[in-house]
PDB file of N, CA and C in Angstrom:
ATOM      1  N   MET A   1     -10.011  -5.949 -25.623  1.00  0.00           N
ATOM      2  CA  MET A   1      -9.471  -4.638 -25.355  1.00  0.00           C
ATOM      3  C   MET A   1      -8.847  -4.125 -26.644  1.00  0.00           C
ATOM      4  N   SER A   2      -9.185  -2.930 -27.030  1.00  0.00           N
ATOM      5  CA  SER A   2      -8.664  -2.386 -28.278  1.00  0.00           C
ATOM      6  C   SER A   2      -7.447  -1.521 -28.020  1.00  0.00           C
ATOM      7  N   ALA A   3      -6.794  -1.137 -29.108  1.00  0.00           N
ATOM      8  CA  ALA A   3      -5.601  -0.298 -28.987  1.00  0.00           C
ATOM      9  C   ALA A   3      -5.941   1.053 -28.385  1.00  0.00           C
ATOM     10  N   THR A   4      -7.193   1.495 -28.514  1.00  0.00           N
ATOM     11  CA  THR A   4      -7.577   2.786 -27.956  1.00  0.00           C
ATOM     12  C   THR A   4      -7.723   2.719 -26.447  1.00  0.00           C
ATOM     13  N   ASP A   5      -7.832   1.533 -25.879  1.00  0.00           N
ATOM     14  CA  ASP A   5      -7.932   1.394 -24.436  1.00  0.00           C
ATOM     15  C   ASP A   5      -6.573   1.442 -23.768  1.00  0.00           C
ATOM     16  N   GLY A   6      -5.514   1.711 -24.527  1.00  0.00           N
ATOM     17  CA  GLY A   6      -4.177   1.804 -23.939  1.00  0.00           C
ATOM     18  C   GLY A   6      -3.454   0.477 -23.963  1.00  0.00           C
ATOM     19  N   GLN A   7      -3.842  -0.439 -24.859  1.00  0.00           N
ATOM     20  CA  GLN A   7      -3.187  -1.735 -24.930  1.00  0.00           C
ATOM     21  C   GLN A   7      -1.746  -1.549 -25.371  1.00  0.00           C
ATOM     22  N   HIS A   8      -0.851  -2.296 -24.794  1.00  0.00           N
ATOM     23  CA  HIS A   8       0.548  -2.212 -25.154  1.00  0.00           C
ATOM     24  C   HIS A   8       1.135  -3.616 -25.188  1.00  0.00           C
ATOM     25  N   SER A   9       2.382  -3.733 -25.534  1.00  0.00           N
ATOM     26  CA  SER A   9       2.979  -5.033 -25.809  1.00  0.00           C
ATOM     27  C   SER A   9       3.115  -5.927 -24.577  1.00  0.00           C
ATOM     28  N   ALA A  10       3.066  -5.396 -23.382  1.00  0.00           N
ATOM     29  CA  ALA A  10       3.254  -6.201 -22.175  1.00  0.00           C
ATOM     30  C   ALA A  10       1.933  -6.473 -21.477  1.00  0.00           C
ATOM     31  N   ASP A  11       0.877  -6.767 -22.251  1.00  0.00           N
ATOM     32  CA  ASP A  11      -0.428  -7.040 -21.657  1.00  0.00           C
ATOM     33  C   ASP A  11      -0.379  -8.256 -20.751  1.00  0.00           C
ATOM     34  N   LEU A  12      -1.111  -8.183 -19.653  1.00  0.00           N
ATOM     35  CA  LEU A  12      -1.246  -9.320 -18.761  1.00  0.00           C
ATOM     36  C   LEU A  12      -2.405 -10.173 -19.264  1.00  0.00           C
ATOM     37  N   ASN A  13      -2.222 -11.481 -19.288  1.00  0.00           N
ATOM     38  CA  ASN A  13      -3.304 -12.359 -19.711  1.00  0.00           C
ATOM     39  C   ASN A  13      -3.771 -13.193 -18.522  1.00  0.00           C
ATOM     40  N   VAL A  14      -4.792 -14.003 -18.749  1.00  0.00           N
ATOM     41  CA  VAL A  14      -5.383 -14.806 -17.679  1.00  0.00           C
ATOM     42  C   VAL A  14      -4.343 -15.754 -17.089  1.00  0.00           C
ATOM     43  N   GLN A  15      -3.507 -16.325 -17.939  1.00  0.00           N
ATOM     44  CA  GLN A  15      -2.492 -17.258 -17.454  1.00  0.00           C
ATOM     45  C   GLN A  15      -1.491 -16.552 -16.534  1.00  0.00           C
ATOM     46  N   THR A  16      -1.071 -15.355 -16.894  1.00  0.00           N
ATOM     47  CA  THR A  16      -0.138 -14.596 -16.057  1.00  0.00           C
ATOM     48  C   THR A  16      -0.773 -14.252 -14.715  1.00  0.00           C
ATOM     49  N   ILE A  17      -2.023 -13.808 -14.750  1.00  0.00           N
ATOM     50  CA  ILE A  17      -2.730 -13.468 -13.500  1.00  0.00           C
ATOM     51  C   ILE A  17      -2.873 -14.707 -12.632  1.00  0.00           C
ATOM     52  N   SER A  18      -3.209 -15.845 -13.228  1.00  0.00           N
ATOM     53  CA  SER A  18      -3.342 -17.088 -12.465  1.00  0.00           C
ATOM     54  C   SER A  18      -2.014 -17.488 -11.841  1.00  0.00           C
ATOM     55  N   SER A  19      -0.914 -17.308 -12.569  1.00  0.00           N
ATOM     56  CA  SER A  19       0.413 -17.626 -12.030  1.00  0.00           C
ATOM     57  C   SER A  19       0.762 -16.717 -10.852  1.00  0.00           C
ATOM     58  N   ILE A  20       0.471 -15.432 -10.995  1.00  0.00           N
ATOM     59  CA  ILE A  20       0.730 -14.480  -9.904  1.00  0.00           C
ATOM     60  C   ILE A  20      -0.129 -14.824  -8.695  1.00  0.00           C
ATOM     61  N   ALA A  21      -1.392 -15.169  -8.935  1.00  0.00           N
ATOM     62  CA  ALA A  21      -2.293 -15.539  -7.840  1.00  0.00           C
ATOM     63  C   ALA A  21      -1.775 -16.784  -7.127  1.00  0.00           C
ATOM     64  N   HIS A  22      -1.264 -17.740  -7.883  1.00  0.00           N
ATOM     65  CA  HIS A  22      -0.715 -18.952  -7.268  1.00  0.00           C
ATOM     66  C   HIS A  22       0.482 -18.606  -6.384  1.00  0.00           C
ATOM     67  N   LEU A  23       1.375 -17.756  -6.874  1.00  0.00           N
ATOM     68  CA  LEU A  23       2.541 -17.360  -6.084  1.00  0.00           C
ATOM     69  C   LEU A  23       2.139 -16.614  -4.817  1.00  0.00           C
ATOM     70  N   ALA A  24       1.050 -15.845  -4.928  1.00  0.00           N
ATOM     71  CA  ALA A  24       0.575 -15.077  -3.769  1.00  0.00           C
ATOM     72  C   ALA A  24      -0.371 -15.891  -2.891  1.00  0.00           C
ATOM     73  N   ARG A  25      -0.564 -17.156  -3.261  1.00  0.00           N
ATOM     74  CA  ARG A  25      -1.459 -18.064  -2.529  1.00  0.00           C
ATOM     75  C   ARG A  25      -2.891 -17.523  -2.481  1.00  0.00           C
ATOM     76  N   LEU A  26      -3.339 -16.974  -3.620  1.00  0.00           N
ATOM     77  CA  LEU A  26      -4.702 -16.484  -3.758  1.00  0.00           C
ATOM     78  C   LEU A  26      -5.494 -17.478  -4.589  1.00  0.00           C
ATOM     79  N   SER A  27      -6.742 -17.639  -4.256  1.00  0.00           N
ATOM     80  CA  SER A  27      -7.605 -18.545  -5.004  1.00  0.00           C
ATOM     81  C   SER A  27      -8.480 -17.721  -5.937  1.00  0.00           C
ATOM     82  N   LEU A  28      -8.169 -17.771  -7.242  1.00  0.00           N
ATOM     83  CA  LEU A  28      -8.952 -17.053  -8.237  1.00  0.00           C
ATOM     84  C   LEU A  28      -9.482 -18.048  -9.263  1.00  0.00           C
ATOM     85  N   ASP A  29     -10.751 -17.882  -9.629  1.00  0.00           N
ATOM     86  CA  ASP A  29     -11.262 -18.714 -10.711  1.00  0.00           C
ATOM     87  C   ASP A  29     -10.970 -18.033 -12.046  1.00  0.00           C
ATOM     88  N   GLU A  30     -11.339 -18.686 -13.139  1.00  0.00           N
ATOM     89  CA  GLU A  30     -11.037 -18.186 -14.479  1.00  0.00           C
ATOM     90  C   GLU A  30     -11.666 -16.813 -14.727  1.00  0.00           C
ATOM     91  N   LYS A  31     -12.898 -16.631 -14.255  1.00  0.00           N
ATOM     92  CA  LYS A  31     -13.603 -15.357 -14.456  1.00  0.00           C
ATOM     93  C   LYS A  31     -12.902 -14.227 -13.706  1.00  0.00           C
ATOM     94  N   GLN A  32     -12.521 -14.486 -12.460  1.00  0.00           N
ATOM     95  CA  GLN A  32     -11.839 -13.466 -11.663  1.00  0.00           C
ATOM     96  C   GLN A  32     -10.488 -13.117 -12.283  1.00  0.00           C
ATOM     97  N   SER A  33      -9.772 -14.130 -12.761  1.00  0.00           N
ATOM     98  CA  SER A  33      -8.472 -13.875 -13.398  1.00  0.00           C
ATOM     99  C   SER A  33      -8.646 -12.996 -14.628  1.00  0.00           C
ATOM    100  N   ALA A  34      -9.686 -13.256 -15.411  1.00  0.00           N
ATOM    101  CA  ALA A  34      -9.941 -12.445 -16.603  1.00  0.00           C
ATOM    102  C   ALA A  34     -10.286 -11.010 -16.219  1.00  0.00           C
ATOM    103  N   GLU A  35     -11.088 -10.835 -15.167  1.00  0.00           N
ATOM    104  CA  GLU A  35     -11.455  -9.482 -14.712  1.00  0.00           C
ATOM    105  C   GLU A  35     -10.230  -8.726 -14.217  1.00  0.00           C
ATOM    106  N   TYR A  36      -9.390  -9.409 -13.434  1.00  0.00           N
ATOM    107  CA  TYR A  36      -8.172  -8.760 -12.940  1.00  0.00           C
ATOM    108  C   TYR A  36      -7.225  -8.425 -14.078  1.00  0.00           C
ATOM    109  N   ALA A  37      -7.115  -9.313 -15.055  1.00  0.00           N
ATOM    110  CA  ALA A  37      -6.243  -9.043 -16.201  1.00  0.00           C
ATOM    111  C   ALA A  37      -6.715  -7.799 -16.938  1.00  0.00           C
ATOM    112  N   GLN A  38      -8.021  -7.690 -17.171  1.00  0.00           N
ATOM    113  CA  GLN A  38      -8.565  -6.525 -17.874  1.00  0.00           C
ATOM    114  C   GLN A  38      -8.326  -5.248 -17.064  1.00  0.00           C
ATOM    115  N   SER A  39      -8.597  -5.305 -15.769  1.00  0.00           N
ATOM    116  CA  SER A  39      -8.425  -4.138 -14.908  1.00  0.00           C
ATOM    117  C   SER A  39      -6.960  -3.705 -14.839  1.00  0.00           C
ATOM    118  N   LEU A  40      -6.060  -4.659 -14.653  1.00  0.00           N
ATOM    119  CA  LEU A  40      -4.636  -4.320 -14.566  1.00  0.00           C
ATOM    120  C   LEU A  40      -4.103  -3.804 -15.894  1.00  0.00           C
ATOM    121  N   ASN A  41      -4.601  -4.334 -17.008  1.00  0.00           N
ATOM    122  CA  ASN A  41      -4.177  -3.832 -18.317  1.00  0.00           C
ATOM    123  C   ASN A  41      -4.634  -2.393 -18.523  1.00  0.00           C
ATOM    124  N   LYS A  42      -5.803  -2.045 -18.007  1.00  0.00           N
ATOM    125  CA  LYS A  42      -6.261  -0.648 -18.098  1.00  0.00           C
ATOM    126  C   LYS A  42      -5.338   0.262 -17.294  1.00  0.00           C
ATOM    127  N   ILE A  43      -4.945  -0.194 -16.110  1.00  0.00           N
ATOM    128  CA  ILE A  43      -4.043   0.601 -15.265  1.00  0.00           C
ATOM    129  C   ILE A  43      -2.696   0.767 -15.955  1.00  0.00           C
ATOM    130  N   LEU A  44      -2.162  -0.332 -16.507  1.00  0.00           N
ATOM    131  CA  LEU A  44      -0.877  -0.249 -17.213  1.00  0.00           C
ATOM    132  C   LEU A  44      -0.983   0.652 -18.437  1.00  0.00           C
ATOM    133  N   GLY A  45      -2.121   0.613 -19.129  1.00  0.00           N
ATOM    134  CA  GLY A  45      -2.330   1.495 -20.269  1.00  0.00           C
ATOM    135  C   GLY A  45      -2.342   2.952 -19.860  1.00  0.00           C
ATOM    136  N   MET A  46      -2.980   3.235 -18.724  1.00  0.00           N
ATOM    137  CA  MET A  46      -3.006   4.601 -18.222  1.00  0.00           C
ATOM    138  C   MET A  46      -1.588   5.070 -17.874  1.00  0.00           C
ATOM    139  N   MET A  47      -0.793   4.185 -17.283  1.00  0.00           N
ATOM    140  CA  MET A  47       0.582   4.546 -16.949  1.00  0.00           C
ATOM    141  C   MET A  47       1.387   4.819 -18.216  1.00  0.00           C
ATOM    142  N   GLU A  48       1.143   4.046 -19.277  1.00  0.00           N
ATOM    143  CA  GLU A  48       1.824   4.283 -20.547  1.00  0.00           C
ATOM    144  C   GLU A  48       1.450   5.650 -21.110  1.00  0.00           C
ATOM    145  N   SER A  49       0.164   6.018 -20.998  1.00  0.00           N
ATOM    146  CA  SER A  49      -0.249   7.324 -21.528  1.00  0.00           C
ATOM    147  C   SER A  49       0.344   8.463 -20.698  1.00  0.00           C
ATOM    148  N   LEU A  50       0.552   8.243 -19.399  1.00  0.00           N
ATOM    149  CA  LEU A  50       1.172   9.270 -18.566  1.00  0.00           C
ATOM    150  C   LEU A  50       2.627   9.511 -18.953  1.00  0.00           C
ATOM    151  N   LYS A  51       3.281   8.466 -19.457  1.00  0.00           N
ATOM    152  CA  LYS A  51       4.674   8.627 -19.891  1.00  0.00           C
ATOM    153  C   LYS A  51       4.796   9.622 -21.042  1.00  0.00           C
ATOM    154  N   GLY A  52       3.724   9.771 -21.812  1.00  0.00           N
ATOM    155  CA  GLY A  52       3.763  10.658 -22.964  1.00  0.00           C
ATOM    156  C   GLY A  52       3.518  12.121 -22.650  1.00  0.00           C
ATOM    157  N   ILE A  53       3.222  12.446 -21.412  1.00  0.00           N
ATOM    158  CA  ILE A  53       2.946  13.834 -21.042  1.00  0.00           C
ATOM    159  C   ILE A  53       4.253  14.592 -20.891  1.00  0.00           C
ATOM    160  N   ASP A  54       4.320  15.758 -21.530  1.00  0.00           N
ATOM    161  CA  ASP A  54       5.517  16.595 -21.457  1.00  0.00           C
ATOM    162  C   ASP A  54       5.529  17.347 -20.134  1.00  0.00           C
ATOM    163  N   THR A  55       6.487  17.048 -19.298  1.00  0.00           N
ATOM    164  CA  THR A  55       6.592  17.709 -17.994  1.00  0.00           C
ATOM    165  C   THR A  55       7.828  18.604 -17.902  1.00  0.00           C
ATOM    166  N   ASP A  56       8.443  18.900 -19.040  1.00  0.00           N
ATOM    167  CA  ASP A  56       9.600  19.777 -19.035  1.00  0.00           C
ATOM    168  C   ASP A  56       9.192  21.160 -18.529  1.00  0.00           C
ATOM    169  N   GLY A  57       9.954  21.703 -17.614  1.00  0.00           N
ATOM    170  CA  GLY A  57       9.683  23.029 -17.086  1.00  0.00           C
ATOM    171  C   GLY A  57       8.656  23.053 -15.959  1.00  0.00           C
ATOM    172  N   VAL A  58       8.123  21.903 -15.576  1.00  0.00           N
ATOM    173  CA  VAL A  58       7.148  21.845 -14.481  1.00  0.00           C
ATOM    174  C   VAL A  58       7.907  21.555 -13.195  1.00  0.00           C
ATOM    175  N   GLU A  59       7.800  22.458 -12.243  1.00  0.00           N
ATOM    176  CA  GLU A  59       8.483  22.295 -10.964  1.00  0.00           C
ATOM    177  C   GLU A  59       7.731  21.292 -10.086  1.00  0.00           C
ATOM    178  N   PRO A  60       8.450  20.391  -9.441  1.00  0.00           N
ATOM    179  CA  PRO A  60       7.784  19.454  -8.529  1.00  0.00           C
ATOM    180  C   PRO A  60       7.200  20.190  -7.329  1.00  0.00           C
ATOM    181  N   LEU A  61       6.086  19.689  -6.829  1.00  0.00           N
ATOM    182  CA  LEU A  61       5.436  20.287  -5.665  1.00  0.00           C
ATOM    183  C   LEU A  61       5.821  19.534  -4.399  1.00  0.00           C
ATOM    184  N   LYS A  62       6.052  20.270  -3.331  1.00  0.00           N
ATOM    185  CA  LYS A  62       6.211  19.639  -2.030  1.00  0.00           C
ATOM    186  C   LYS A  62       4.839  19.333  -1.451  1.00  0.00           C
ATOM    187  N   SER A  63       3.894  20.203  -1.759  1.00  0.00           N
ATOM    188  CA  SER A  63       2.543  20.080  -1.239  1.00  0.00           C
ATOM    189  C   SER A  63       1.590  20.756  -2.219  1.00  0.00           C
ATOM    190  N   PRO A  64       0.380  20.247  -2.360  1.00  0.00           N
ATOM    191  CA  PRO A  64      -0.573  20.907  -3.249  1.00  0.00           C
ATOM    192  C   PRO A  64      -1.178  22.175  -2.639  1.00  0.00           C
ATOM    193  N   PHE A  65      -0.864  22.459  -1.390  1.00  0.00           N
ATOM    194  CA  PHE A  65      -1.415  23.623  -0.702  1.00  0.00           C
ATOM    195  C   PHE A  65      -0.467  24.812  -0.812  1.00  0.00           C
ATOM    196  N   ASP A  66      -1.030  26.015  -0.867  1.00  0.00           N
ATOM    197  CA  ASP A  66      -0.214  27.218  -0.966  1.00  0.00           C
ATOM    198  C   ASP A  66       0.525  27.535   0.332  1.00  0.00           C
ATOM    199  N   HIS A  67      -0.080  27.182   1.455  1.00  0.00           N
ATOM    200  CA  HIS A  67       0.499  27.520   2.750  1.00  0.00           C
ATOM    201  C   HIS A  67       0.981  26.246   3.439  1.00  0.00           C
ATOM    202  N   PRO A  68       2.073  26.333   4.171  1.00  0.00           N
ATOM    203  CA  PRO A  68       2.536  25.140   4.889  1.00  0.00           C
ATOM    204  C   PRO A  68       1.530  24.727   5.957  1.00  0.00           C
ATOM    205  N   GLN A  69       1.482  23.462   6.221  1.00  0.00           N
ATOM    206  CA  GLN A  69       0.568  22.957   7.238  1.00  0.00           C
ATOM    207  C   GLN A  69       1.085  23.336   8.624  1.00  0.00           C
ATOM    208  N   PRO A  70       0.215  23.858   9.478  1.00  0.00           N
ATOM    209  CA  PRO A  70       0.669  24.207  10.830  1.00  0.00           C
ATOM    210  C   PRO A  70       0.946  22.937  11.631  1.00  0.00           C
ATOM    211  N   LEU A  71       2.012  22.965  12.391  1.00  0.00           N
ATOM    212  CA  LEU A  71       2.357  21.842  13.243  1.00  0.00           C
ATOM    213  C   LEU A  71       2.095  22.214  14.681  1.00  0.00           C
ATOM    214  N   ARG A  72       1.629  21.251  15.437  1.00  0.00           N
ATOM    215  CA  ARG A  72       1.405  21.525  16.858  1.00  0.00           C
ATOM    216  C   ARG A  72       2.747  21.478  17.580  1.00  0.00           C
ATOM    217  N   ALA A  73       2.793  22.101  18.716  1.00  0.00           N
ATOM    218  CA  ALA A  73       4.020  22.096  19.509  1.00  0.00           C
ATOM    219  C   ALA A  73       4.300  20.677  19.992  1.00  0.00           C
ATOM    220  N   ASP A  74       5.540  20.279  19.989  1.00  0.00           N
ATOM    221  CA  ASP A  74       5.929  18.942  20.416  1.00  0.00           C
ATOM    222  C   ASP A  74       6.149  18.956  21.926  1.00  0.00           C
ATOM    223  N   VAL A  75       5.044  18.927  22.652  1.00  0.00           N
ATOM    224  CA  VAL A  75       5.110  18.940  24.110  1.00  0.00           C
ATOM    225  C   VAL A  75       4.272  17.785  24.652  1.00  0.00           C
ATOM    226  N   VAL A  76       4.641  17.305  25.822  1.00  0.00           N
ATOM    227  CA  VAL A  76       3.889  16.223  26.467  1.00  0.00           C
ATOM    228  C   VAL A  76       2.549  16.773  26.905  1.00  0.00           C
ATOM    229  N   SER A  77       1.471  16.084  26.489  1.00  0.00           N
ATOM    230  CA  SER A  77       0.135  16.553  26.860  1.00  0.00           C
ATOM    231  C   SER A  77      -0.630  15.525  27.672  1.00  0.00           C
ATOM    232  N   GLU A  78      -0.054  14.360  27.875  1.00  0.00           N
ATOM    233  CA  GLU A  78      -0.696  13.301  28.644  1.00  0.00           C
ATOM    234  C   GLU A  78       0.232  12.848  29.763  1.00  0.00           C
ATOM    235  N   VAL A  79      -0.372  12.344  30.811  1.00  0.00           N
ATOM    236  CA  VAL A  79       0.377  11.801  31.936  1.00  0.00           C
ATOM    237  C   VAL A  79       0.721  10.349  31.620  1.00  0.00           C
ATOM    238  N   ASN A  80       1.900   9.905  32.029  1.00  0.00           N
ATOM    239  CA  ASN A  80       2.319   8.527  31.820  1.00  0.00           C
ATOM    240  C   ASN A  80       1.550   7.613  32.770  1.00  0.00           C
ATOM    241  N   HIS A  81       0.763   6.696  32.223  1.00  0.00           N
ATOM    242  CA  HIS A  81      -0.042   5.766  33.023  1.00  0.00           C
ATOM    243  C   HIS A  81       0.510   4.345  32.976  1.00  0.00           C
ATOM    244  N   ARG A  82       1.773   4.176  32.616  1.00  0.00           N
ATOM    245  CA  ARG A  82       2.319   2.837  32.424  1.00  0.00           C
ATOM    246  C   ARG A  82       2.183   1.972  33.672  1.00  0.00           C
ATOM    247  N   GLU A  83       2.486   2.489  34.831  1.00  0.00           N
ATOM    248  CA  GLU A  83       2.395   1.677  36.052  1.00  0.00           C
ATOM    249  C   GLU A  83       0.966   1.204  36.287  1.00  0.00           C
ATOM    250  N   ASN A  84      -0.012   2.064  36.029  1.00  0.00           N
ATOM    251  CA  ASN A  84      -1.414   1.672  36.214  1.00  0.00           C
ATOM    252  C   ASN A  84      -1.807   0.575  35.230  1.00  0.00           C
ATOM    253  N   TYR A  85      -1.391   0.705  33.976  1.00  0.00           N
ATOM    254  CA  TYR A  85      -1.731  -0.284  32.954  1.00  0.00           C
ATOM    255  C   TYR A  85      -1.031  -1.614  33.233  1.00  0.00           C
ATOM    256  N   GLN A  86       0.216  -1.559  33.674  1.00  0.00           N
ATOM    257  CA  GLN A  86       0.956  -2.784  33.888  1.00  0.00           C
ATOM    258  C   GLN A  86       0.637  -3.442  35.233  1.00  0.00           C
ATOM    259  N   ALA A  87      -0.061  -2.741  36.110  1.00  0.00           N
ATOM    260  CA  ALA A  87      -0.410  -3.319  37.408  1.00  0.00           C
ATOM    261  C   ALA A  87      -1.328  -4.531  37.240  1.00  0.00           C
ATOM    262  N   VAL A  88      -2.120  -4.575  36.205  1.00  0.00           N
ATOM    263  CA  VAL A  88      -3.039  -5.693  35.990  1.00  0.00           C
ATOM    264  C   VAL A  88      -2.466  -6.754  35.043  1.00  0.00           C
ATOM    265  N   ALA A  89      -1.268  -6.516  34.522  1.00  0.00           N
ATOM    266  CA  ALA A  89      -0.647  -7.472  33.597  1.00  0.00           C
ATOM    267  C   ALA A  89      -0.116  -8.668  34.373  1.00  0.00           C
ATOM    268  N   PRO A  90      -0.167  -9.861  33.787  1.00  0.00           N
ATOM    269  CA  PRO A  90       0.335 -11.047  34.491  1.00  0.00           C
ATOM    270  C   PRO A  90       1.825 -10.974  34.818  1.00  0.00           C
ATOM    271  N   ALA A  91       2.636 -10.410  33.897  1.00  0.00           N
ATOM    272  CA  ALA A  91       4.079 -10.341  34.154  1.00  0.00           C
ATOM    273  C   ALA A  91       4.684  -9.160  33.404  1.00  0.00           C
ATOM    274  N   THR A  92       5.504  -8.386  34.123  1.00  0.00           N
ATOM    275  CA  THR A  92       6.219  -7.271  33.515  1.00  0.00           C
ATOM    276  C   THR A  92       7.642  -7.256  34.057  1.00  0.00           C
ATOM    277  N   GLN A  93       8.518  -6.621  33.310  1.00  0.00           N
ATOM    278  CA  GLN A  93       9.903  -6.455  33.768  1.00  0.00           C
ATOM    279  C   GLN A  93      10.474  -5.227  33.084  1.00  0.00           C
ATOM    280  N   ASP A  94      11.027  -4.314  33.852  1.00  0.00           N
ATOM    281  CA  ASP A  94      11.664  -3.102  33.337  1.00  0.00           C
ATOM    282  C   ASP A  94      10.720  -2.311  32.430  1.00  0.00           C
ATOM    283  N   GLY A  95       9.433  -2.256  32.777  1.00  0.00           N
ATOM    284  CA  GLY A  95       8.471  -1.492  31.997  1.00  0.00           C
ATOM    285  C   GLY A  95       7.973  -2.200  30.752  1.00  0.00           C
ATOM    286  N   LEU A  96       8.311  -3.463  30.555  1.00  0.00           N
ATOM    287  CA  LEU A  96       7.873  -4.223  29.390  1.00  0.00           C
ATOM    288  C   LEU A  96       6.949  -5.346  29.827  1.00  0.00           C
ATOM    289  N   TYR A  97       6.038  -5.735  28.948  1.00  0.00           N
ATOM    290  CA  TYR A  97       5.158  -6.864  29.197  1.00  0.00           C
ATOM    291  C   TYR A  97       5.893  -8.146  28.854  1.00  0.00           C
ATOM    292  N   LEU A  98       5.841  -9.114  29.733  1.00  0.00           N
ATOM    293  CA  LEU A  98       6.447 -10.411  29.479  1.00  0.00           C
ATOM    294  C   LEU A  98       5.366 -11.364  28.994  1.00  0.00           C
ATOM    295  N   VAL A  99       5.667 -12.068  27.910  1.00  0.00           N
ATOM    296  CA  VAL A  99       4.717 -13.018  27.331  1.00  0.00           C
ATOM    297  C   VAL A  99       5.404 -14.374  27.204  1.00  0.00           C
ATOM    298  N   PRO A 100       4.629 -15.435  27.082  1.00  0.00           N
ATOM    299  CA  PRO A 100       5.249 -16.753  26.917  1.00  0.00           C
ATOM    300  C   PRO A 100       6.011 -16.839  25.605  1.00  0.00           C
ATOM    301  N   ARG A 101       7.095 -17.590  25.608  1.00  0.00           N
ATOM    302  CA  ARG A 101       7.898 -17.783  24.391  1.00  0.00           C
ATOM    303  C   ARG A 101       7.074 -18.613  23.409  1.00  0.00           C
ATOM    304  N   VAL A 102       7.018 -18.137  22.161  1.00  0.00           N
ATOM    305  CA  VAL A 102       6.268 -18.848  21.135  1.00  0.00           C
ATOM    306  C   VAL A 102       7.189 -19.418  20.059  1.00  0.00           C
ATOM    307  N   ILE A 103       8.421 -18.963  19.999  1.00  0.00           N
ATOM    308  CA  ILE A 103       9.398 -19.480  19.039  1.00  0.00           C
ATOM    309  C   ILE A 103      10.568 -20.051  19.828  1.00  0.00           C
ATOM    310  N   GLU A 104      10.901 -21.271  19.518  1.00  0.00           N
ATOM    311  CA  GLU A 104      12.008 -21.908  20.241  1.00  0.00           C
ATOM    312  C   GLU A 104      13.269 -21.896  19.434  1.00  0.00           C
TER     313      GLU A 104
END
């Protein structure tokens, strides 16, 4: 990777990627670690180049659209079928499904 690809002082190497993969319990071979290192270094390089963009005087956007998104009315549109659904359940109590304890 050359300096024109956005290389910077905190480049990730194969050893770092392998260490991260081990911590995340991922199985990566040497080739995959090298590919991930190259890909992540490109992403980090792009982020470094974004830091150099002058954003003074640029107002933040709430939305990229000119008009606000229409919202539907917050009204009930369906009938509550809980009793029908729970009628076939093995065990319920107070509108909740009862399941066997799995943690003691």
